[in-house]
Amino acid sequence: MNKTGREKKIVTTKKFSTKSFQKLMEKRLTKSEITEIEQQAMLEARALKSLQNDITNAMNNYMKEKNIGFNELVKRLDVSPAHIAKIKNGAANLTIASIARLFALLGQEPHLVFNKK
């Protein structure tokens, strides 16, 4: 019992290991469905990496062209240094609005090109 006299409920959850998750998928999906999911995941990961690289390159080019350092970029974007570091390292989960704000500061208009793979 806790301090208020109520019984505590203990909730346990089963964690899946990668192997058990793989076995579960194999039981529920066909091999072709698993292959399709894996291919989609790889395409998504490549697309994300490509976008992150484009954003990082645009920031680096801006800093070089304007001859400014990391701290000045932080000041101009009015965000935390940790957030800029995450963007530069490709670890930030940016919204479309934050990408638009970033590119407006950079004086660039983002342009997405979709290539069929």
PDB file of N, CA and C in Angstrom:
ATOM      1  N   MET A   1       0.837  -1.188   0.000  1.00  0.00           N
ATOM      2  CA  MET A   1       0.000   0.000   0.000  1.00  0.00           C
ATOM      3  C   MET A   1       0.878   1.246   0.000  1.00  0.00           C
ATOM      4  N   ASN A   2       0.329   2.302  -0.590  1.00  0.00           N
ATOM      5  CA  ASN A   2       1.074   3.550  -0.608  1.00  0.00           C
ATOM      6  C   ASN A   2       0.660   4.432   0.571  1.00  0.00           C
ATOM      7  N   LYS A   3       1.126   5.661   0.621  1.00  0.00           N
ATOM      8  CA  LYS A   3       0.885   6.553   1.756  1.00  0.00           C
ATOM      9  C   LYS A   3      -0.589   6.900   1.938  1.00  0.00           C
ATOM     10  N   THR A   4      -1.362   6.853   0.861  1.00  0.00           N
ATOM     11  CA  THR A   4      -2.776   7.204   0.965  1.00  0.00           C
ATOM     12  C   THR A   4      -3.638   6.010   1.350  1.00  0.00           C
ATOM     13  N   GLY A   5      -3.029   4.848   1.561  1.00  0.00           N
ATOM     14  CA  GLY A   5      -3.764   3.671   1.957  1.00  0.00           C
ATOM     15  C   GLY A   5      -4.298   2.858   0.789  1.00  0.00           C
ATOM     16  N   ARG A   6      -4.008   3.269  -0.412  1.00  0.00           N
ATOM     17  CA  ARG A   6      -4.459   2.546  -1.605  1.00  0.00           C
ATOM     18  C   ARG A   6      -3.421   1.514  -2.005  1.00  0.00           C
ATOM     19  N   GLU A   7      -3.913   0.446  -2.570  1.00  0.00           N
ATOM     20  CA  GLU A   7      -2.992  -0.575  -3.055  1.00  0.00           C
ATOM     21  C   GLU A   7      -2.327  -0.095  -4.339  1.00  0.00           C
ATOM     22  N   LYS A   8      -1.049  -0.387  -4.454  1.00  0.00           N
ATOM     23  CA  LYS A   8      -0.331  -0.059  -5.680  1.00  0.00           C
ATOM     24  C   LYS A   8      -0.550  -1.171  -6.679  1.00  0.00           C
ATOM     25  N   LYS A   9      -0.805  -0.788  -7.898  1.00  0.00           N
ATOM     26  CA  LYS A   9      -0.899  -1.778  -8.967  1.00  0.00           C
ATOM     27  C   LYS A   9       0.451  -1.845  -9.654  1.00  0.00           C
ATOM     28  N   ILE A  10       0.940  -3.018  -9.779  1.00  0.00           N
ATOM     29  CA  ILE A  10       2.213  -3.206 -10.468  1.00  0.00           C
ATOM     30  C   ILE A  10       1.909  -3.720 -11.860  1.00  0.00           C
ATOM     31  N   VAL A  11       2.349  -2.963 -12.833  1.00  0.00           N
ATOM     32  CA  VAL A  11       2.109  -3.328 -14.222  1.00  0.00           C
ATOM     33  C   VAL A  11       3.428  -3.767 -14.823  1.00  0.00           C
ATOM     34  N   THR A  12       3.423  -4.943 -15.368  1.00  0.00           N
ATOM     35  CA  THR A  12       4.628  -5.416 -16.041  1.00  0.00           C
ATOM     36  C   THR A  12       4.306  -5.604 -17.509  1.00  0.00           C
ATOM     37  N   THR A  13       5.251  -5.298 -18.316  1.00  0.00           N
ATOM     38  CA  THR A  13       5.080  -5.485 -19.751  1.00  0.00           C
ATOM     39  C   THR A  13       6.189  -6.386 -20.251  1.00  0.00           C
ATOM     40  N   LYS A  14       5.851  -7.145 -21.247  1.00  0.00           N
ATOM     41  CA  LYS A  14       6.834  -8.038 -21.828  1.00  0.00           C
ATOM     42  C   LYS A  14       7.589  -7.274 -22.908  1.00  0.00           C
ATOM     43  N   LYS A  15       8.895  -7.292 -22.825  1.00  0.00           N
ATOM     44  CA  LYS A  15       9.718  -6.644 -23.837  1.00  0.00           C
ATOM     45  C   LYS A  15      10.057  -7.662 -24.910  1.00  0.00           C
ATOM     46  N   PHE A  16       9.987  -7.203 -26.140  1.00  0.00           N
ATOM     47  CA  PHE A  16      10.321  -8.070 -27.258  1.00  0.00           C
ATOM     48  C   PHE A  16      11.777  -7.890 -27.631  1.00  0.00           C
ATOM     49  N   SER A  17      12.445  -8.980 -27.809  1.00  0.00           N
ATOM     50  CA  SER A  17      13.787  -8.901 -28.356  1.00  0.00           C
ATOM     51  C   SER A  17      13.647  -8.876 -29.873  1.00  0.00           C
ATOM     52  N   THR A  18      14.701  -8.521 -30.549  1.00  0.00           N
ATOM     53  CA  THR A  18      14.666  -8.476 -31.998  1.00  0.00           C
ATOM     54  C   THR A  18      14.316  -9.844 -32.577  1.00  0.00           C
ATOM     55  N   LYS A  19      14.865 -10.889 -31.991  1.00  0.00           N
ATOM     56  CA  LYS A  19      14.591 -12.240 -32.482  1.00  0.00           C
ATOM     57  C   LYS A  19      13.120 -12.605 -32.310  1.00  0.00           C
ATOM     58  N   SER A  20      12.535 -12.300 -31.141  1.00  0.00           N
ATOM     59  CA  SER A  20      11.137 -12.658 -30.931  1.00  0.00           C
ATOM     60  C   SER A  20      10.219 -11.828 -31.816  1.00  0.00           C
ATOM     61  N   PHE A  21      10.589 -10.575 -32.067  1.00  0.00           N
ATOM     62  CA  PHE A  21       9.798  -9.744 -32.962  1.00  0.00           C
ATOM     63  C   PHE A  21       9.860 -10.296 -34.378  1.00  0.00           C
ATOM     64  N   GLN A  22      11.036 -10.711 -34.802  1.00  0.00           N
ATOM     65  CA  GLN A  22      11.195 -11.301 -36.126  1.00  0.00           C
ATOM     66  C   GLN A  22      10.328 -12.552 -36.254  1.00  0.00           C
ATOM     67  N   LYS A  23      10.322 -13.388 -35.214  1.00  0.00           N
ATOM     68  CA  LYS A  23       9.502 -14.607 -35.233  1.00  0.00           C
ATOM     69  C   LYS A  23       8.021 -14.264 -35.302  1.00  0.00           C
ATOM     70  N   LEU A  24       7.603 -13.248 -34.553  1.00  0.00           N
ATOM     71  CA  LEU A  24       6.215 -12.812 -34.586  1.00  0.00           C
ATOM     72  C   LEU A  24       5.831 -12.348 -35.985  1.00  0.00           C
ATOM     73  N   MET A  25       6.696 -11.569 -36.615  1.00  0.00           N
ATOM     74  CA  MET A  25       6.430 -11.106 -37.979  1.00  0.00           C
ATOM     75  C   MET A  25       6.308 -12.286 -38.930  1.00  0.00           C
ATOM     76  N   GLU A  26       7.194 -13.249 -38.799  1.00  0.00           N
ATOM     77  CA  GLU A  26       7.178 -14.406 -39.685  1.00  0.00           C
ATOM     78  C   GLU A  26       5.909 -15.242 -39.512  1.00  0.00           C
ATOM     79  N   LYS A  27       5.345 -15.246 -38.320  1.00  0.00           N
ATOM     80  CA  LYS A  27       4.105 -15.983 -38.083  1.00  0.00           C
ATOM     81  C   LYS A  27       2.904 -15.283 -38.691  1.00  0.00           C
ATOM     82  N   ARG A  28       2.943 -13.955 -38.706  1.00  0.00           N
ATOM     83  CA  ARG A  28       1.765 -13.187 -39.103  1.00  0.00           C
ATOM     84  C   ARG A  28       1.808 -12.669 -40.543  1.00  0.00           C
ATOM     85  N   LEU A  29       2.991 -12.581 -41.122  1.00  0.00           N
ATOM     86  CA  LEU A  29       3.131 -12.012 -42.465  1.00  0.00           C
ATOM     87  C   LEU A  29       3.790 -13.007 -43.402  1.00  0.00           C
ATOM     88  N   THR A  30       3.520 -12.823 -44.683  1.00  0.00           N
ATOM     89  CA  THR A  30       4.201 -13.656 -45.674  1.00  0.00           C
ATOM     90  C   THR A  30       5.601 -13.104 -45.897  1.00  0.00           C
ATOM     91  N   LYS A  31       6.456 -13.905 -46.500  1.00  0.00           N
ATOM     92  CA  LYS A  31       7.821 -13.444 -46.783  1.00  0.00           C
ATOM     93  C   LYS A  31       7.811 -12.230 -47.694  1.00  0.00           C
ATOM     94  N   SER A  32       6.916 -12.207 -48.653  1.00  0.00           N
ATOM     95  CA  SER A  32       6.864 -11.058 -49.563  1.00  0.00           C
ATOM     96  C   SER A  32       6.401  -9.798 -48.828  1.00  0.00           C
ATOM     97  N   GLU A  33       5.493  -9.936 -47.854  1.00  0.00           N
ATOM     98  CA  GLU A  33       5.065  -8.778 -47.078  1.00  0.00           C
ATOM     99  C   GLU A  33       6.207  -8.255 -46.207  1.00  0.00           C
ATOM    100  N   ILE A  34       6.960  -9.167 -45.612  1.00  0.00           N
ATOM    101  CA  ILE A  34       8.110  -8.768 -44.794  1.00  0.00           C
ATOM    102  C   ILE A  34       9.143  -8.061 -45.660  1.00  0.00           C
ATOM    103  N   THR A  35       9.418  -8.604 -46.843  1.00  0.00           N
ATOM    104  CA  THR A  35      10.376  -7.992 -47.764  1.00  0.00           C
ATOM    105  C   THR A  35       9.922  -6.599 -48.163  1.00  0.00           C
ATOM    106  N   GLU A  36       8.630  -6.448 -48.450  1.00  0.00           N
ATOM    107  CA  GLU A  36       8.094  -5.143 -48.840  1.00  0.00           C
ATOM    108  C   GLU A  36       8.238  -4.132 -47.699  1.00  0.00           C
ATOM    109  N   ILE A  37       7.963  -4.547 -46.467  1.00  0.00           N
ATOM    110  CA  ILE A  37       8.101  -3.665 -45.302  1.00  0.00           C
ATOM    111  C   ILE A  37       9.561  -3.264 -45.112  1.00  0.00           C
ATOM    112  N   GLU A  38      10.471  -4.219 -45.242  1.00  0.00           N
ATOM    113  CA  GLU A  38      11.901  -3.925 -45.086  1.00  0.00           C
ATOM    114  C   GLU A  38      12.384  -2.964 -46.166  1.00  0.00           C
ATOM    115  N   GLN A  39      11.936  -3.153 -47.404  1.00  0.00           N
ATOM    116  CA  GLN A  39      12.339  -2.250 -48.487  1.00  0.00           C
ATOM    117  C   GLN A  39      11.803  -0.843 -48.256  1.00  0.00           C
ATOM    118  N   GLN A  40      10.560  -0.758 -47.788  1.00  0.00           N
ATOM    119  CA  GLN A  40       9.965   0.544 -47.495  1.00  0.00           C
ATOM    120  C   GLN A  40      10.733   1.246 -46.387  1.00  0.00           C
ATOM    121  N   ALA A  41      11.120   0.499 -45.367  1.00  0.00           N
ATOM    122  CA  ALA A  41      11.870   1.079 -44.251  1.00  0.00           C
ATOM    123  C   ALA A  41      13.230   1.594 -44.718  1.00  0.00           C
ATOM    124  N   MET A  42      13.896   0.840 -45.589  1.00  0.00           N
ATOM    125  CA  MET A  42      15.201   1.288 -46.103  1.00  0.00           C
ATOM    126  C   MET A  42      15.043   2.538 -46.963  1.00  0.00           C
ATOM    127  N   LEU A  43      14.005   2.604 -47.782  1.00  0.00           N
ATOM    128  CA  LEU A  43      13.757   3.780 -48.616  1.00  0.00           C
ATOM    129  C   LEU A  43      13.472   4.997 -47.742  1.00  0.00           C
ATOM    130  N   GLU A  44      12.691   4.793 -46.703  1.00  0.00           N
ATOM    131  CA  GLU A  44      12.380   5.880 -45.775  1.00  0.00           C
ATOM    132  C   GLU A  44      13.636   6.379 -45.067  1.00  0.00           C
ATOM    133  N   ALA A  45      14.493   5.470 -44.647  1.00  0.00           N
ATOM    134  CA  ALA A  45      15.741   5.852 -43.972  1.00  0.00           C
ATOM    135  C   ALA A  45      16.648   6.637 -44.919  1.00  0.00           C
ATOM    136  N   ARG A  46      16.743   6.210 -46.175  1.00  0.00           N
ATOM    137  CA  ARG A  46      17.558   6.950 -47.155  1.00  0.00           C
ATOM    138  C   ARG A  46      16.991   8.340 -47.416  1.00  0.00           C
ATOM    139  N   ALA A  47      15.671   8.445 -47.510  1.00  0.00           N
ATOM    140  CA  ALA A  47      15.034   9.742 -47.749  1.00  0.00           C
ATOM    141  C   ALA A  47      15.301  10.690 -46.584  1.00  0.00           C
ATOM    142  N   LEU A  48      15.177  10.180 -45.359  1.00  0.00           N
ATOM    143  CA  LEU A  48      15.436  10.995 -44.175  1.00  0.00           C
ATOM    144  C   LEU A  48      16.882  11.471 -44.161  1.00  0.00           C
ATOM    145  N   LYS A  49      17.814  10.572 -44.418  1.00  0.00           N
ATOM    146  CA  LYS A  49      19.234  10.924 -44.424  1.00  0.00           C
ATOM    147  C   LYS A  49      19.529  11.979 -45.491  1.00  0.00           C
ATOM    148  N   SER A  50      18.906  11.839 -46.651  1.00  0.00           N
ATOM    149  CA  SER A  50      19.102  12.807 -47.734  1.00  0.00           C
ATOM    150  C   SER A  50      18.612  14.194 -47.331  1.00  0.00           C
ATOM    151  N   LEU A  51      17.430  14.259 -46.725  1.00  0.00           N
ATOM    152  CA  LEU A  51      16.897  15.548 -46.266  1.00  0.00           C
ATOM    153  C   LEU A  51      17.778  16.161 -45.188  1.00  0.00           C
ATOM    154  N   GLN A  52      18.221  15.338 -44.248  1.00  0.00           N
ATOM    155  CA  GLN A  52      19.090  15.832 -43.178  1.00  0.00           C
ATOM    156  C   GLN A  52      20.393  16.374 -43.749  1.00  0.00           C
ATOM    157  N   ASN A  53      20.969  15.683 -44.721  1.00  0.00           N
ATOM    158  CA  ASN A  53      22.213  16.148 -45.346  1.00  0.00           C
ATOM    159  C   ASN A  53      21.999  17.467 -46.073  1.00  0.00           C
ATOM    160  N   ASP A  54      20.878  17.604 -46.788  1.00  0.00           N
ATOM    161  CA  ASP A  54      20.591  18.853 -47.503  1.00  0.00           C
ATOM    162  C   ASP A  54      20.465  20.030 -46.540  1.00  0.00           C
ATOM    163  N   ILE A  55      19.792  19.819 -45.430  1.00  0.00           N
ATOM    164  CA  ILE A  55      19.613  20.884 -44.443  1.00  0.00           C
ATOM    165  C   ILE A  55      20.951  21.253 -43.807  1.00  0.00           C
ATOM    166  N   THR A  56      21.728  20.254 -43.436  1.00  0.00           N
ATOM    167  CA  THR A  56      23.046  20.506 -42.846  1.00  0.00           C
ATOM    168  C   THR A  56      23.947  21.243 -43.824  1.00  0.00           C
ATOM    169  N   ASN A  57      23.960  20.818 -45.077  1.00  0.00           N
ATOM    170  CA  ASN A  57      24.791  21.486 -46.090  1.00  0.00           C
ATOM    171  C   ASN A  57      24.359  22.936 -46.286  1.00  0.00           C
ATOM    172  N   ALA A  58      23.057  23.184 -46.302  1.00  0.00           N
ATOM    173  CA  ALA A  58      22.567  24.558 -46.458  1.00  0.00           C
ATOM    174  C   ALA A  58      23.012  25.425 -45.285  1.00  0.00           C
ATOM    175  N   MET A  59      22.931  24.890 -44.069  1.00  0.00           N
ATOM    176  CA  MET A  59      23.375  25.644 -42.886  1.00  0.00           C
ATOM    177  C   MET A  59      24.872  25.916 -42.947  1.00  0.00           C
ATOM    178  N   ASN A  60      25.652  24.909 -43.289  1.00  0.00           N
ATOM    179  CA  ASN A  60      27.105  25.086 -43.367  1.00  0.00           C
ATOM    180  C   ASN A  60      27.486  26.097 -44.434  1.00  0.00           C
ATOM    181  N   ASN A  61      26.829  26.048 -45.585  1.00  0.00           N
ATOM    182  CA  ASN A  61      27.106  27.007 -46.659  1.00  0.00           C
ATOM    183  C   ASN A  61      26.758  28.430 -46.223  1.00  0.00           C
ATOM    184  N   TYR A  62      25.637  28.586 -45.552  1.00  0.00           N
ATOM    185  CA  TYR A  62      25.225  29.899 -45.054  1.00  0.00           C
ATOM    186  C   TYR A  62      26.262  30.449 -44.077  1.00  0.00           C
ATOM    187  N   MET A  63      26.698  29.613 -43.143  1.00  0.00           N
ATOM    188  CA  MET A  63      27.682  30.048 -42.159  1.00  0.00           C
ATOM    189  C   MET A  63      28.991  30.454 -42.835  1.00  0.00           C
ATOM    190  N   LYS A  64      29.369  29.714 -43.857  1.00  0.00           N
ATOM    191  CA  LYS A  64      30.605  30.031 -44.573  1.00  0.00           C
ATOM    192  C   LYS A  64      30.467  31.322 -45.377  1.00  0.00           C
ATOM    193  N   GLU A  65      29.348  31.455 -46.106  1.00  0.00           N
ATOM    194  CA  GLU A  65      29.121  32.650 -46.928  1.00  0.00           C
ATOM    195  C   GLU A  65      29.022  33.921 -46.085  1.00  0.00           C
ATOM    196  N   LYS A  66      28.357  33.826 -44.939  1.00  0.00           N
ATOM    197  CA  LYS A  66      28.164  34.992 -44.070  1.00  0.00           C
ATOM    198  C   LYS A  66      29.307  35.159 -43.080  1.00  0.00           C
ATOM    199  N   ASN A  67      30.239  34.214 -43.092  1.00  0.00           N
ATOM    200  CA  ASN A  67      31.389  34.239 -42.192  1.00  0.00           C
ATOM    201  C   ASN A  67      30.947  34.352 -40.734  1.00  0.00           C
ATOM    202  N   ILE A  68      30.011  33.480 -40.370  1.00  0.00           N
ATOM    203  CA  ILE A  68      29.532  33.466 -38.987  1.00  0.00           C
ATOM    204  C   ILE A  68      29.824  32.107 -38.366  1.00  0.00           C
ATOM    205  N   GLY A  69      29.872  32.107 -37.062  1.00  0.00           N
ATOM    206  CA  GLY A  69      30.127  30.870 -36.334  1.00  0.00           C
ATOM    207  C   GLY A  69      28.840  30.264 -35.793  1.00  0.00           C
ATOM    208  N   PHE A  70      29.019  29.187 -35.105  1.00  0.00           N
ATOM    209  CA  PHE A  70      27.913  28.432 -34.537  1.00  0.00           C
ATOM    210  C   PHE A  70      27.057  29.299 -33.610  1.00  0.00           C
ATOM    211  N   ASN A  71      27.707  30.045 -32.712  1.00  0.00           N
ATOM    212  CA  ASN A  71      26.966  30.861 -31.739  1.00  0.00           C
ATOM    213  C   ASN A  71      26.148  31.960 -32.405  1.00  0.00           C
ATOM    214  N   GLU A  72      26.680  32.533 -33.467  1.00  0.00           N
ATOM    215  CA  GLU A  72      25.930  33.562 -34.189  1.00  0.00           C
ATOM    216  C   GLU A  72      24.709  32.952 -34.879  1.00  0.00           C
ATOM    217  N   LEU A  73      24.858  31.757 -35.408  1.00  0.00           N
ATOM    218  CA  LEU A  73      23.714  31.076 -36.027  1.00  0.00           C
ATOM    219  C   LEU A  73      22.636  30.803 -34.982  1.00  0.00           C
ATOM    220  N   VAL A  74      23.049  30.371 -33.806  1.00  0.00           N
ATOM    221  CA  VAL A  74      22.116  30.139 -32.697  1.00  0.00           C
ATOM    222  C   VAL A  74      21.342  31.415 -32.387  1.00  0.00           C
ATOM    223  N   LYS A  75      22.073  32.528 -32.320  1.00  0.00           N
ATOM    224  CA  LYS A  75      21.457  33.816 -32.011  1.00  0.00           C
ATOM    225  C   LYS A  75      20.462  34.226 -33.101  1.00  0.00           C
ATOM    226  N   ARG A  76      20.842  34.054 -34.360  1.00  0.00           N
ATOM    227  CA  ARG A  76      19.972  34.452 -35.472  1.00  0.00           C
ATOM    228  C   ARG A  76      18.716  33.595 -35.564  1.00  0.00           C
ATOM    229  N   LEU A  77      18.829  32.335 -35.236  1.00  0.00           N
ATOM    230  CA  LEU A  77      17.657  31.454 -35.273  1.00  0.00           C
ATOM    231  C   LEU A  77      16.849  31.508 -33.981  1.00  0.00           C
ATOM    232  N   ASP A  78      17.440  32.078 -32.931  1.00  0.00           N
ATOM    233  CA  ASP A  78      16.795  32.196 -31.627  1.00  0.00           C
ATOM    234  C   ASP A  78      16.334  30.837 -31.107  1.00  0.00           C
ATOM    235  N   VAL A  79      17.267  29.876 -31.156  1.00  0.00           N
ATOM    236  CA  VAL A  79      17.019  28.541 -30.615  1.00  0.00           C
ATOM    237  C   VAL A  79      18.211  28.153 -29.750  1.00  0.00           C
ATOM    238  N   SER A  80      18.101  27.044 -29.072  1.00  0.00           N
ATOM    239  CA  SER A  80      19.184  26.625 -28.185  1.00  0.00           C
ATOM    240  C   SER A  80      20.358  26.060 -28.992  1.00  0.00           C
ATOM    241  N   PRO A  81      21.554  26.167 -28.441  1.00  0.00           N
ATOM    242  CA  PRO A  81      22.709  25.561 -29.104  1.00  0.00           C
ATOM    243  C   PRO A  81      22.527  24.056 -29.301  1.00  0.00           C
ATOM    244  N   ALA A  82      21.876  23.401 -28.336  1.00  0.00           N
ATOM    245  CA  ALA A  82      21.651  21.951 -28.449  1.00  0.00           C
ATOM    246  C   ALA A  82      20.780  21.628 -29.655  1.00  0.00           C
ATOM    247  N   HIS A  83      19.792  22.478 -29.925  1.00  0.00           N
ATOM    248  CA  HIS A  83      18.909  22.237 -31.073  1.00  0.00           C
ATOM    249  C   HIS A  83      19.676  22.376 -32.391  1.00  0.00           C
ATOM    250  N   ILE A  84      20.510  23.390 -32.488  1.00  0.00           N
ATOM    251  CA  ILE A  84      21.318  23.570 -33.701  1.00  0.00           C
ATOM    252  C   ILE A  84      22.278  22.400 -33.862  1.00  0.00           C
ATOM    253  N   ALA A  85      22.861  21.957 -32.771  1.00  0.00           N
ATOM    254  CA  ALA A  85      23.768  20.808 -32.837  1.00  0.00           C
ATOM    255  C   ALA A  85      23.026  19.569 -33.328  1.00  0.00           C
ATOM    256  N   LYS A  86      21.807  19.368 -32.854  1.00  0.00           N
ATOM    257  CA  LYS A  86      21.007  18.226 -33.316  1.00  0.00           C
ATOM    258  C   LYS A  86      20.708  18.334 -34.808  1.00  0.00           C
ATOM    259  N   ILE A  87      20.392  19.544 -35.261  1.00  0.00           N
ATOM    260  CA  ILE A  87      20.120  19.739 -36.688  1.00  0.00           C
ATOM    261  C   ILE A  87      21.361  19.401 -37.493  1.00  0.00           C
ATOM    262  N   LYS A  88      22.496  19.938 -37.063  1.00  0.00           N
ATOM    263  CA  LYS A  88      23.741  19.710 -37.798  1.00  0.00           C
ATOM    264  C   LYS A  88      24.165  18.240 -37.782  1.00  0.00           C
ATOM    265  N   ASN A  89      23.804  17.515 -36.710  1.00  0.00           N
ATOM    266  CA  ASN A  89      24.158  16.099 -36.605  1.00  0.00           C
ATOM    267  C   ASN A  89      23.097  15.184 -37.204  1.00  0.00           C
ATOM    268  N   GLY A  90      22.010  15.769 -37.701  1.00  0.00           N
ATOM    269  CA  GLY A  90      20.946  14.965 -38.287  1.00  0.00           C
ATOM    270  C   GLY A  90      20.089  14.255 -37.261  1.00  0.00           C
ATOM    271  N   ALA A  91      20.081  14.753 -36.022  1.00  0.00           N
ATOM    272  CA  ALA A  91      19.323  14.094 -34.963  1.00  0.00           C
ATOM    273  C   ALA A  91      18.031  14.825 -34.605  1.00  0.00           C
ATOM    274  N   ALA A  92      17.796  15.995 -35.189  1.00  0.00           N
ATOM    275  CA  ALA A  92      16.601  16.766 -34.864  1.00  0.00           C
ATOM    276  C   ALA A  92      15.418  16.272 -35.690  1.00  0.00           C
ATOM    277  N   ASN A  93      14.281  16.214 -35.050  1.00  0.00           N
ATOM    278  CA  ASN A  93      13.052  15.855 -35.751  1.00  0.00           C
ATOM    279  C   ASN A  93      12.337  17.158 -36.087  1.00  0.00           C
ATOM    280  N   LEU A  94      12.637  17.711 -37.254  1.00  0.00           N
ATOM    281  CA  LEU A  94      12.159  19.029 -37.623  1.00  0.00           C
ATOM    282  C   LEU A  94      10.758  18.974 -38.221  1.00  0.00           C
ATOM    283  N   THR A  95       9.974  19.989 -37.908  1.00  0.00           N
ATOM    284  CA  THR A  95       8.667  20.128 -38.541  1.00  0.00           C
ATOM    285  C   THR A  95       8.846  20.870 -39.863  1.00  0.00           C
ATOM    286  N   ILE A  96       7.839  20.817 -40.690  1.00  0.00           N
ATOM    287  CA  ILE A  96       7.888  21.569 -41.950  1.00  0.00           C
ATOM    288  C   ILE A  96       8.002  23.059 -41.649  1.00  0.00           C
ATOM    289  N   ALA A  97       7.312  23.515 -40.623  1.00  0.00           N
ATOM    290  CA  ALA A  97       7.372  24.940 -40.240  1.00  0.00           C
ATOM    291  C   ALA A  97       8.781  25.335 -39.815  1.00  0.00           C
ATOM    292  N   SER A  98       9.462  24.483 -39.055  1.00  0.00           N
ATOM    293  CA  SER A  98      10.817  24.836 -38.618  1.00  0.00           C
ATOM    294  C   SER A  98      11.799  24.794 -39.785  1.00  0.00           C
ATOM    295  N   ILE A  99      11.576  23.921 -40.737  1.00  0.00           N
ATOM    296  CA  ILE A  99      12.423  23.891 -41.938  1.00  0.00           C
ATOM    297  C   ILE A  99      12.202  25.164 -42.744  1.00  0.00           C
ATOM    298  N   ALA A 100      10.947  25.579 -42.874  1.00  0.00           N
ATOM    299  CA  ALA A 100      10.641  26.821 -43.609  1.00  0.00           C
ATOM    300  C   ALA A 100      11.291  28.026 -42.930  1.00  0.00           C
ATOM    301  N   ARG A 101      11.235  28.075 -41.602  1.00  0.00           N
ATOM    302  CA  ARG A 101      11.857  29.179 -40.845  1.00  0.00           C
ATOM    303  C   ARG A 101      13.366  29.196 -41.047  1.00  0.00           C
ATOM    304  N   LEU A 102      13.966  28.022 -40.987  1.00  0.00           N
ATOM    305  CA  LEU A 102      15.413  27.903 -41.173  1.00  0.00           C
ATOM    306  C   LEU A 102      15.818  28.394 -42.557  1.00  0.00           C
ATOM    307  N   PHE A 103      15.126  27.927 -43.588  1.00  0.00           N
ATOM    308  CA  PHE A 103      15.487  28.316 -44.941  1.00  0.00           C
ATOM    309  C   PHE A 103      15.191  29.786 -45.220  1.00  0.00           C
ATOM    310  N   ALA A 104      14.181  30.352 -44.562  1.00  0.00           N
ATOM    311  CA  ALA A 104      13.919  31.790 -44.701  1.00  0.00           C
ATOM    312  C   ALA A 104      15.109  32.586 -44.176  1.00  0.00           C
ATOM    313  N   LEU A 105      15.655  32.172 -43.035  1.00  0.00           N
ATOM    314  CA  LEU A 105      16.844  32.829 -42.495  1.00  0.00           C
ATOM    315  C   LEU A 105      18.018  32.670 -43.460  1.00  0.00           C
ATOM    316  N   LEU A 106      18.134  31.481 -44.036  1.00  0.00           N
ATOM    317  CA  LEU A 106      19.245  31.212 -44.944  1.00  0.00           C
ATOM    318  C   LEU A 106      19.090  31.944 -46.278  1.00  0.00           C
ATOM    319  N   GLY A 107      17.908  32.543 -46.482  1.00  0.00           N
ATOM    320  CA  GLY A 107      17.658  33.253 -47.738  1.00  0.00           C
ATOM    321  C   GLY A 107      17.469  32.290 -48.899  1.00  0.00           C
ATOM    322  N   GLN A 108      16.984  31.124 -48.591  1.00  0.00           N
ATOM    323  CA  GLN A 108      16.787  30.105 -49.626  1.00  0.00           C
ATOM    324  C   GLN A 108      15.352  29.607 -49.589  1.00  0.00           C
ATOM    325  N   GLU A 109      14.925  29.135 -50.734  1.00  0.00           N
ATOM    326  CA  GLU A 109      13.610  28.514 -50.816  1.00  0.00           C
ATOM    327  C   GLU A 109      13.819  27.021 -51.003  1.00  0.00           C
ATOM    328  N   PRO A 110      13.384  26.223 -50.042  1.00  0.00           N
ATOM    329  CA  PRO A 110      13.595  24.780 -50.189  1.00  0.00           C
ATOM    330  C   PRO A 110      12.794  24.243 -51.366  1.00  0.00           C
ATOM    331  N   HIS A 111      13.363  23.254 -52.004  1.00  0.00           N
ATOM    332  CA  HIS A 111      12.709  22.645 -53.162  1.00  0.00           C
ATOM    333  C   HIS A 111      12.917  21.136 -53.075  1.00  0.00           C
ATOM    334  N   LEU A 112      11.817  20.422 -52.940  1.00  0.00           N
ATOM    335  CA  LEU A 112      11.905  18.979 -52.873  1.00  0.00           C
ATOM    336  C   LEU A 112      11.821  18.380 -54.272  1.00  0.00           C
ATOM    337  N   VAL A 113      12.651  17.422 -54.526  1.00  0.00           N
ATOM    338  CA  VAL A 113      12.626  16.686 -55.774  1.00  0.00           C
ATOM    339  C   VAL A 113      12.409  15.226 -55.427  1.00  0.00           C
ATOM    340  N   PHE A 114      11.399  14.638 -55.994  1.00  0.00           N
ATOM    341  CA  PHE A 114      11.094  13.243 -55.717  1.00  0.00           C
ATOM    342  C   PHE A 114      11.502  12.405 -56.921  1.00  0.00           C
ATOM    343  N   ASN A 115      12.467  11.528 -56.705  1.00  0.00           N
ATOM    344  CA  ASN A 115      12.931  10.620 -57.752  1.00  0.00           C
ATOM    345  C   ASN A 115      12.373   9.248 -57.479  1.00  0.00           C
ATOM    346  N   LYS A 116      11.788   8.652 -58.478  1.00  0.00           N
ATOM    347  CA  LYS A 116      11.261   7.310 -58.305  1.00  0.00           C
ATOM    348  C   LYS A 116      12.406   6.322 -58.266  1.00  0.00           C
ATOM    349  N   LYS A 117      12.405   5.449 -57.264  1.00  0.00           N
ATOM    350  CA  LYS A 117      13.483   4.468 -57.103  1.00  0.00           C
ATOM    351  C   LYS A 117      13.029   3.115 -57.555  1.00  0.00           C
TER     352      LYS A 117
END
